[in-house]
Structures are given as C-alpha cells and as structure tokens.
Amino acid sequence: MFRIEGKLDFSLIGILSKISTILAENEIGIFAISTYNTDYILTKSTDYQKALSCLKNSGYQIKS
C-alpha cells in the first residue's frame, strides 16, 4: 500500500490520475482509496516492488 504524503487540499487536481497512469502503463492494477485528506493506492503484493520502481523512475520520492 502507498499513501500520498501530507494533507491534500481539494484544489489539487490530478495527483491520483498521474500516479495511476504510470502504474497502468506498466500493467500494474490498483485499488485507490481517497479520504478527506489523503489518498491510498493498493496493489497486489506481487506487483508492489515493480510499482515502487516505476514510481521512482518517474521522479516520485518513496519513503518507507
């Protein structure tokens, strides 16, 4: 599971879309959960490391 760090303001648009597009282009299915102040992205455990790698290669910072 990934969590978008920090509280997200409602004026921020497209964050989840950009991340899900990167993962979809790499054939990684997701289940997204949006809450009042952040988003969560769930992947199959077999795709987790691949997803981390794809996001890092796309410029996202991953914290453990």
PDB file of N, CA and C in Angstrom:
ATOM      1  N   MET A   1       0.842  -1.171   0.000  1.00  0.00           N
ATOM      2  CA  MET A   1       0.000   0.000   0.000  1.00  0.00           C
ATOM      3  C   MET A   1       0.889   1.236   0.000  1.00  0.00           C
ATOM      4  N   PHE A   2       0.493   2.214  -0.783  1.00  0.00           N
ATOM      5  CA  PHE A   2       1.152   3.513  -0.822  1.00  0.00           C
ATOM      6  C   PHE A   2       0.203   4.542  -0.234  1.00  0.00           C
ATOM      7  N   ARG A   3       0.767   5.543   0.397  1.00  0.00           N
ATOM      8  CA  ARG A   3      -0.030   6.669   0.880  1.00  0.00           C
ATOM      9  C   ARG A   3       0.599   7.938   0.337  1.00  0.00           C
ATOM     10  N   ILE A   4      -0.220   8.811  -0.203  1.00  0.00           N
ATOM     11  CA  ILE A   4       0.268  10.098  -0.664  1.00  0.00           C
ATOM     12  C   ILE A   4       0.567  10.921   0.589  1.00  0.00           C
ATOM     13  N   GLU A   5       1.814  11.354   0.726  1.00  0.00           N
ATOM     14  CA  GLU A   5       2.236  12.035   1.951  1.00  0.00           C
ATOM     15  C   GLU A   5       1.652  13.435   2.052  1.00  0.00           C
ATOM     16  N   GLY A   6       1.316  13.798   3.252  1.00  0.00           N
ATOM     17  CA  GLY A   6       0.817  15.138   3.517  1.00  0.00           C
ATOM     18  C   GLY A   6      -0.682  15.233   3.339  1.00  0.00           C
ATOM     19  N   LYS A   7      -1.222  16.334   3.820  1.00  0.00           N
ATOM     20  CA  LYS A   7      -2.647  16.592   3.646  1.00  0.00           C
ATOM     21  C   LYS A   7      -2.861  17.217   2.280  1.00  0.00           C
ATOM     22  N   LEU A   8      -3.847  16.707   1.564  1.00  0.00           N
ATOM     23  CA  LEU A   8      -4.126  17.191   0.216  1.00  0.00           C
ATOM     24  C   LEU A   8      -5.284  18.181   0.235  1.00  0.00           C
ATOM     25  N   ASP A   9      -5.056  19.323  -0.331  1.00  0.00           N
ATOM     26  CA  ASP A   9      -6.083  20.344  -0.448  1.00  0.00           C
ATOM     27  C   ASP A   9      -7.020  19.968  -1.602  1.00  0.00           C
ATOM     28  N   PHE A  10      -8.288  20.310  -1.487  1.00  0.00           N
ATOM     29  CA  PHE A  10      -9.252  19.985  -2.539  1.00  0.00           C
ATOM     30  C   PHE A  10      -8.950  20.695  -3.858  1.00  0.00           C
ATOM     31  N   SER A  11      -8.130  21.720  -3.839  1.00  0.00           N
ATOM     32  CA  SER A  11      -7.798  22.421  -5.077  1.00  0.00           C
ATOM     33  C   SER A  11      -6.737  21.680  -5.892  1.00  0.00           C
ATOM     34  N   LEU A  12      -6.097  20.680  -5.289  1.00  0.00           N
ATOM     35  CA  LEU A  12      -5.095  19.895  -6.010  1.00  0.00           C
ATOM     36  C   LEU A  12      -5.813  18.890  -6.907  1.00  0.00           C
ATOM     37  N   ILE A  13      -5.474  18.926  -8.180  1.00  0.00           N
ATOM     38  CA  ILE A  13      -6.174  18.090  -9.158  1.00  0.00           C
ATOM     39  C   ILE A  13      -5.175  17.206  -9.895  1.00  0.00           C
ATOM     40  N   GLY A  14      -5.528  15.932 -10.078  1.00  0.00           N
ATOM     41  CA  GLY A  14      -4.760  15.051 -10.943  1.00  0.00           C
ATOM     42  C   GLY A  14      -3.648  14.256 -10.294  1.00  0.00           C
ATOM     43  N   ILE A  15      -3.475  14.351  -8.994  1.00  0.00           N
ATOM     44  CA  ILE A  15      -2.388  13.619  -8.334  1.00  0.00           C
ATOM     45  C   ILE A  15      -2.578  12.120  -8.498  1.00  0.00           C
ATOM     46  N   LEU A  16      -3.741  11.634  -8.134  1.00  0.00           N
ATOM     47  CA  LEU A  16      -4.024  10.205  -8.247  1.00  0.00           C
ATOM     48  C   LEU A  16      -4.029   9.765  -9.706  1.00  0.00           C
ATOM     49  N   SER A  17      -4.516  10.616 -10.584  1.00  0.00           N
ATOM     50  CA  SER A  17      -4.562  10.307 -12.011  1.00  0.00           C
ATOM     51  C   SER A  17      -3.163  10.074 -12.584  1.00  0.00           C
ATOM     52  N   LYS A  18      -2.222  10.932 -12.229  1.00  0.00           N
ATOM     53  CA  LYS A  18      -0.856  10.797 -12.743  1.00  0.00           C
ATOM     54  C   LYS A  18      -0.204   9.510 -12.253  1.00  0.00           C
ATOM     55  N   ILE A  19      -0.382   9.217 -10.970  1.00  0.00           N
ATOM     56  CA  ILE A  19       0.216   8.005 -10.411  1.00  0.00           C
ATOM     57  C   ILE A  19      -0.427   6.764 -11.010  1.00  0.00           C
ATOM     58  N   SER A  20      -1.755   6.758 -11.108  1.00  0.00           N
ATOM     59  CA  SER A  20      -2.437   5.579 -11.651  1.00  0.00           C
ATOM     60  C   SER A  20      -2.109   5.370 -13.127  1.00  0.00           C
ATOM     61  N   THR A  21      -1.879   6.444 -13.868  1.00  0.00           N
ATOM     62  CA  THR A  21      -1.490   6.315 -15.276  1.00  0.00           C
ATOM     63  C   THR A  21      -0.129   5.646 -15.402  1.00  0.00           C
ATOM     64  N   ILE A  22       0.819   6.055 -14.584  1.00  0.00           N
ATOM     65  CA  ILE A  22       2.153   5.438 -14.606  1.00  0.00           C
ATOM     66  C   ILE A  22       2.047   3.947 -14.324  1.00  0.00           C
ATOM     67  N   LEU A  23       1.282   3.591 -13.316  1.00  0.00           N
ATOM     68  CA  LEU A  23       1.148   2.180 -12.952  1.00  0.00           C
ATOM     69  C   LEU A  23       0.397   1.404 -14.029  1.00  0.00           C
ATOM     70  N   ALA A  24      -0.646   1.987 -14.603  1.00  0.00           N
ATOM     71  CA  ALA A  24      -1.402   1.314 -15.667  1.00  0.00           C
ATOM     72  C   ALA A  24      -0.535   1.070 -16.896  1.00  0.00           C
ATOM     73  N   GLU A  25       0.299   2.038 -17.244  1.00  0.00           N
ATOM     74  CA  GLU A  25       1.195   1.879 -18.395  1.00  0.00           C
ATOM     75  C   GLU A  25       2.181   0.735 -18.186  1.00  0.00           C
ATOM     76  N   ASN A  26       2.412   0.379 -16.934  1.00  0.00           N
ATOM     77  CA  ASN A  26       3.311  -0.725 -16.602  1.00  0.00           C
ATOM     78  C   ASN A  26       2.544  -1.976 -16.180  1.00  0.00           C
ATOM     79  N   GLU A  27       1.260  -2.004 -16.550  1.00  0.00           N
ATOM     80  CA  GLU A  27       0.385  -3.161 -16.323  1.00  0.00           C
ATOM     81  C   GLU A  27       0.271  -3.552 -14.853  1.00  0.00           C
ATOM     82  N   ILE A  28       0.181  -2.537 -14.001  1.00  0.00           N
ATOM     83  CA  ILE A  28       0.004  -2.756 -12.568  1.00  0.00           C
ATOM     84  C   ILE A  28      -1.392  -2.267 -12.195  1.00  0.00           C
ATOM     85  N   GLY A  29      -2.230  -3.186 -11.774  1.00  0.00           N
ATOM     86  CA  GLY A  29      -3.578  -2.833 -11.348  1.00  0.00           C
ATOM     87  C   GLY A  29      -3.552  -2.240  -9.951  1.00  0.00           C
ATOM     88  N   ILE A  30      -4.475  -1.337  -9.691  1.00  0.00           N
ATOM     89  CA  ILE A  30      -4.538  -0.700  -8.369  1.00  0.00           C
ATOM     90  C   ILE A  30      -5.965  -0.690  -7.842  1.00  0.00           C
ATOM     91  N   PHE A  31      -6.072  -0.479  -6.554  1.00  0.00           N
ATOM     92  CA  PHE A  31      -7.328  -0.157  -5.886  1.00  0.00           C
ATOM     93  C   PHE A  31      -7.041   1.129  -5.138  1.00  0.00           C
ATOM     94  N   ALA A  32      -7.730   2.201  -5.489  1.00  0.00           N
ATOM     95  CA  ALA A  32      -7.469   3.508  -4.888  1.00  0.00           C
ATOM     96  C   ALA A  32      -8.532   3.842  -3.852  1.00  0.00           C
ATOM     97  N   ILE A  33      -8.082   4.395  -2.747  1.00  0.00           N
ATOM     98  CA  ILE A  33      -8.974   4.839  -1.684  1.00  0.00           C
ATOM     99  C   ILE A  33      -8.655   6.308  -1.403  1.00  0.00           C
ATOM    100  N   SER A  34      -9.655   7.140  -1.511  1.00  0.00           N
ATOM    101  CA  SER A  34      -9.476   8.561  -1.216  1.00  0.00           C
ATOM    102  C   SER A  34     -10.211   8.900   0.068  1.00  0.00           C
ATOM    103  N   THR A  35      -9.523   9.609   0.945  1.00  0.00           N
ATOM    104  CA  THR A  35     -10.132  10.050   2.193  1.00  0.00           C
ATOM    105  C   THR A  35     -10.173  11.575   2.206  1.00  0.00           C
ATOM    106  N   TYR A  36     -10.613  12.119   3.298  1.00  0.00           N
ATOM    107  CA  TYR A  36     -10.737  13.570   3.418  1.00  0.00           C
ATOM    108  C   TYR A  36      -9.420  14.290   3.141  1.00  0.00           C
ATOM    109  N   ASN A  37      -8.299  13.732   3.618  1.00  0.00           N
ATOM    110  CA  ASN A  37      -7.047  14.486   3.497  1.00  0.00           C
ATOM    111  C   ASN A  37      -5.907  13.761   2.804  1.00  0.00           C
ATOM    112  N   THR A  38      -6.113  12.564   2.279  1.00  0.00           N
ATOM    113  CA  THR A  38      -5.039  11.899   1.538  1.00  0.00           C
ATOM    114  C   THR A  38      -5.610  10.786   0.670  1.00  0.00           C
ATOM    115  N   ASP A  39      -4.765  10.179  -0.131  1.00  0.00           N
ATOM    116  CA  ASP A  39      -5.151   9.050  -0.981  1.00  0.00           C
ATOM    117  C   ASP A  39      -4.259   7.862  -0.660  1.00  0.00           C
ATOM    118  N   TYR A  40      -4.824   6.679  -0.823  1.00  0.00           N
ATOM    119  CA  TYR A  40      -4.078   5.434  -0.650  1.00  0.00           C
ATOM    120  C   TYR A  40      -4.172   4.654  -1.947  1.00  0.00           C
ATOM    121  N   ILE A  41      -3.083   3.975  -2.312  1.00  0.00           N
ATOM    122  CA  ILE A  41      -3.061   3.149  -3.510  1.00  0.00           C
ATOM    123  C   ILE A  41      -2.635   1.754  -3.106  1.00  0.00           C
ATOM    124  N   LEU A  42      -3.490   0.791  -3.369  1.00  0.00           N
ATOM    125  CA  LEU A  42      -3.194  -0.598  -3.047  1.00  0.00           C
ATOM    126  C   LEU A  42      -2.871  -1.346  -4.333  1.00  0.00           C
ATOM    127  N   THR A  43      -1.860  -2.206  -4.270  1.00  0.00           N
ATOM    128  CA  THR A  43      -1.501  -3.072  -5.392  1.00  0.00           C
ATOM    129  C   THR A  43      -1.460  -4.508  -4.889  1.00  0.00           C
ATOM    130  N   LYS A  44      -1.436  -5.430  -5.817  1.00  0.00           N
ATOM    131  CA  LYS A  44      -1.201  -6.820  -5.423  1.00  0.00           C
ATOM    132  C   LYS A  44       0.204  -6.900  -4.846  1.00  0.00           C
ATOM    133  N   SER A  45       0.391  -7.784  -3.887  1.00  0.00           N
ATOM    134  CA  SER A  45       1.716  -7.906  -3.262  1.00  0.00           C
ATOM    135  C   SER A  45       2.771  -8.303  -4.286  1.00  0.00           C
ATOM    136  N   THR A  46       2.376  -9.038  -5.311  1.00  0.00           N
ATOM    137  CA  THR A  46       3.335  -9.458  -6.343  1.00  0.00           C
ATOM    138  C   THR A  46       3.765  -8.297  -7.241  1.00  0.00           C
ATOM    139  N   ASP A  47       2.996  -7.206  -7.257  1.00  0.00           N
ATOM    140  CA  ASP A  47       3.325  -6.040  -8.084  1.00  0.00           C
ATOM    141  C   ASP A  47       3.955  -4.895  -7.293  1.00  0.00           C
ATOM    142  N   TYR A  48       4.043  -5.044  -5.977  1.00  0.00           N
ATOM    143  CA  TYR A  48       4.461  -3.937  -5.117  1.00  0.00           C
ATOM    144  C   TYR A  48       5.855  -3.402  -5.472  1.00  0.00           C
ATOM    145  N   GLN A  49       6.846  -4.265  -5.572  1.00  0.00           N
ATOM    146  CA  GLN A  49       8.214  -3.816  -5.873  1.00  0.00           C
ATOM    147  C   GLN A  49       8.302  -3.192  -7.260  1.00  0.00           C
ATOM    148  N   LYS A  50       7.577  -3.761  -8.221  1.00  0.00           N
ATOM    149  CA  LYS A  50       7.551  -3.195  -9.573  1.00  0.00           C
ATOM    150  C   LYS A  50       6.928  -1.797  -9.536  1.00  0.00           C
ATOM    151  N   ALA A  51       5.868  -1.639  -8.760  1.00  0.00           N
ATOM    152  CA  ALA A  51       5.213  -0.335  -8.637  1.00  0.00           C
ATOM    153  C   ALA A  51       6.159   0.696  -8.021  1.00  0.00           C
ATOM    154  N   LEU A  52       6.871   0.299  -6.966  1.00  0.00           N
ATOM    155  CA  LEU A  52       7.857   1.194  -6.351  1.00  0.00           C
ATOM    156  C   LEU A  52       8.881   1.656  -7.378  1.00  0.00           C
ATOM    157  N   SER A  53       9.381   0.718  -8.127  1.00  0.00           N
ATOM    158  CA  SER A  53      10.403   1.006  -9.133  1.00  0.00           C
ATOM    159  C   SER A  53       9.872   1.958 -10.209  1.00  0.00           C
ATOM    160  N   CYS A  54       8.675   1.711 -10.693  1.00  0.00           N
ATOM    161  CA  CYS A  54       8.078   2.558 -11.728  1.00  0.00           C
ATOM    162  C   CYS A  54       7.895   3.990 -11.233  1.00  0.00           C
ATOM    163  N   LEU A  55       7.419   4.134 -10.021  1.00  0.00           N
ATOM    164  CA  LEU A  55       7.205   5.474  -9.480  1.00  0.00           C
ATOM    165  C   LEU A  55       8.529   6.194  -9.229  1.00  0.00           C
ATOM    166  N   LYS A  56       9.529   5.481  -8.715  1.00  0.00           N
ATOM    167  CA  LYS A  56      10.855   6.088  -8.518  1.00  0.00           C
ATOM    168  C   LYS A  56      11.428   6.548  -9.850  1.00  0.00           C
ATOM    169  N   ASN A  57      11.312   5.703 -10.880  1.00  0.00           N
ATOM    170  CA  ASN A  57      11.836   6.042 -12.202  1.00  0.00           C
ATOM    171  C   ASN A  57      11.094   7.213 -12.835  1.00  0.00           C
ATOM    172  N   SER A  58       9.894   7.491 -12.357  1.00  0.00           N
ATOM    173  CA  SER A  58       9.103   8.612 -12.871  1.00  0.00           C
ATOM    174  C   SER A  58       9.286   9.878 -12.040  1.00  0.00           C
ATOM    175  N   GLY A  59      10.204   9.831 -11.074  1.00  0.00           N
ATOM    176  CA  GLY A  59      10.528  11.022 -10.302  1.00  0.00           C
ATOM    177  C   GLY A  59       9.828  11.164  -8.963  1.00  0.00           C
ATOM    178  N   TYR A  60       9.035  10.173  -8.576  1.00  0.00           N
ATOM    179  CA  TYR A  60       8.372  10.235  -7.272  1.00  0.00           C
ATOM    180  C   TYR A  60       9.335   9.792  -6.183  1.00  0.00           C
ATOM    181  N   GLN A  61       9.259  10.449  -5.034  1.00  0.00           N
ATOM    182  CA  GLN A  61      10.074  10.063  -3.883  1.00  0.00           C
ATOM    183  C   GLN A  61       9.286   9.058  -3.062  1.00  0.00           C
ATOM    184  N   ILE A  62       9.913   7.945  -2.760  1.00  0.00           N
ATOM    185  CA  ILE A  62       9.280   6.879  -1.998  1.00  0.00           C
ATOM    186  C   ILE A  62       9.931   6.828  -0.620  1.00  0.00           C
ATOM    187  N   LYS A  63       9.110   6.908   0.417  1.00  0.00           N
ATOM    188  CA  LYS A  63       9.611   6.794   1.792  1.00  0.00           C
ATOM    189  C   LYS A  63       9.052   5.528   2.399  1.00  0.00           C
ATOM    190  N   SER A  64       9.872   4.855   3.175  1.00  0.00           N
ATOM    191  CA  SER A  64       9.419   3.616   3.820  1.00  0.00           C
ATOM    192  C   SER A  64       8.794   3.893   5.158  1.00  0.00           C
TER     193      SER A  64
END
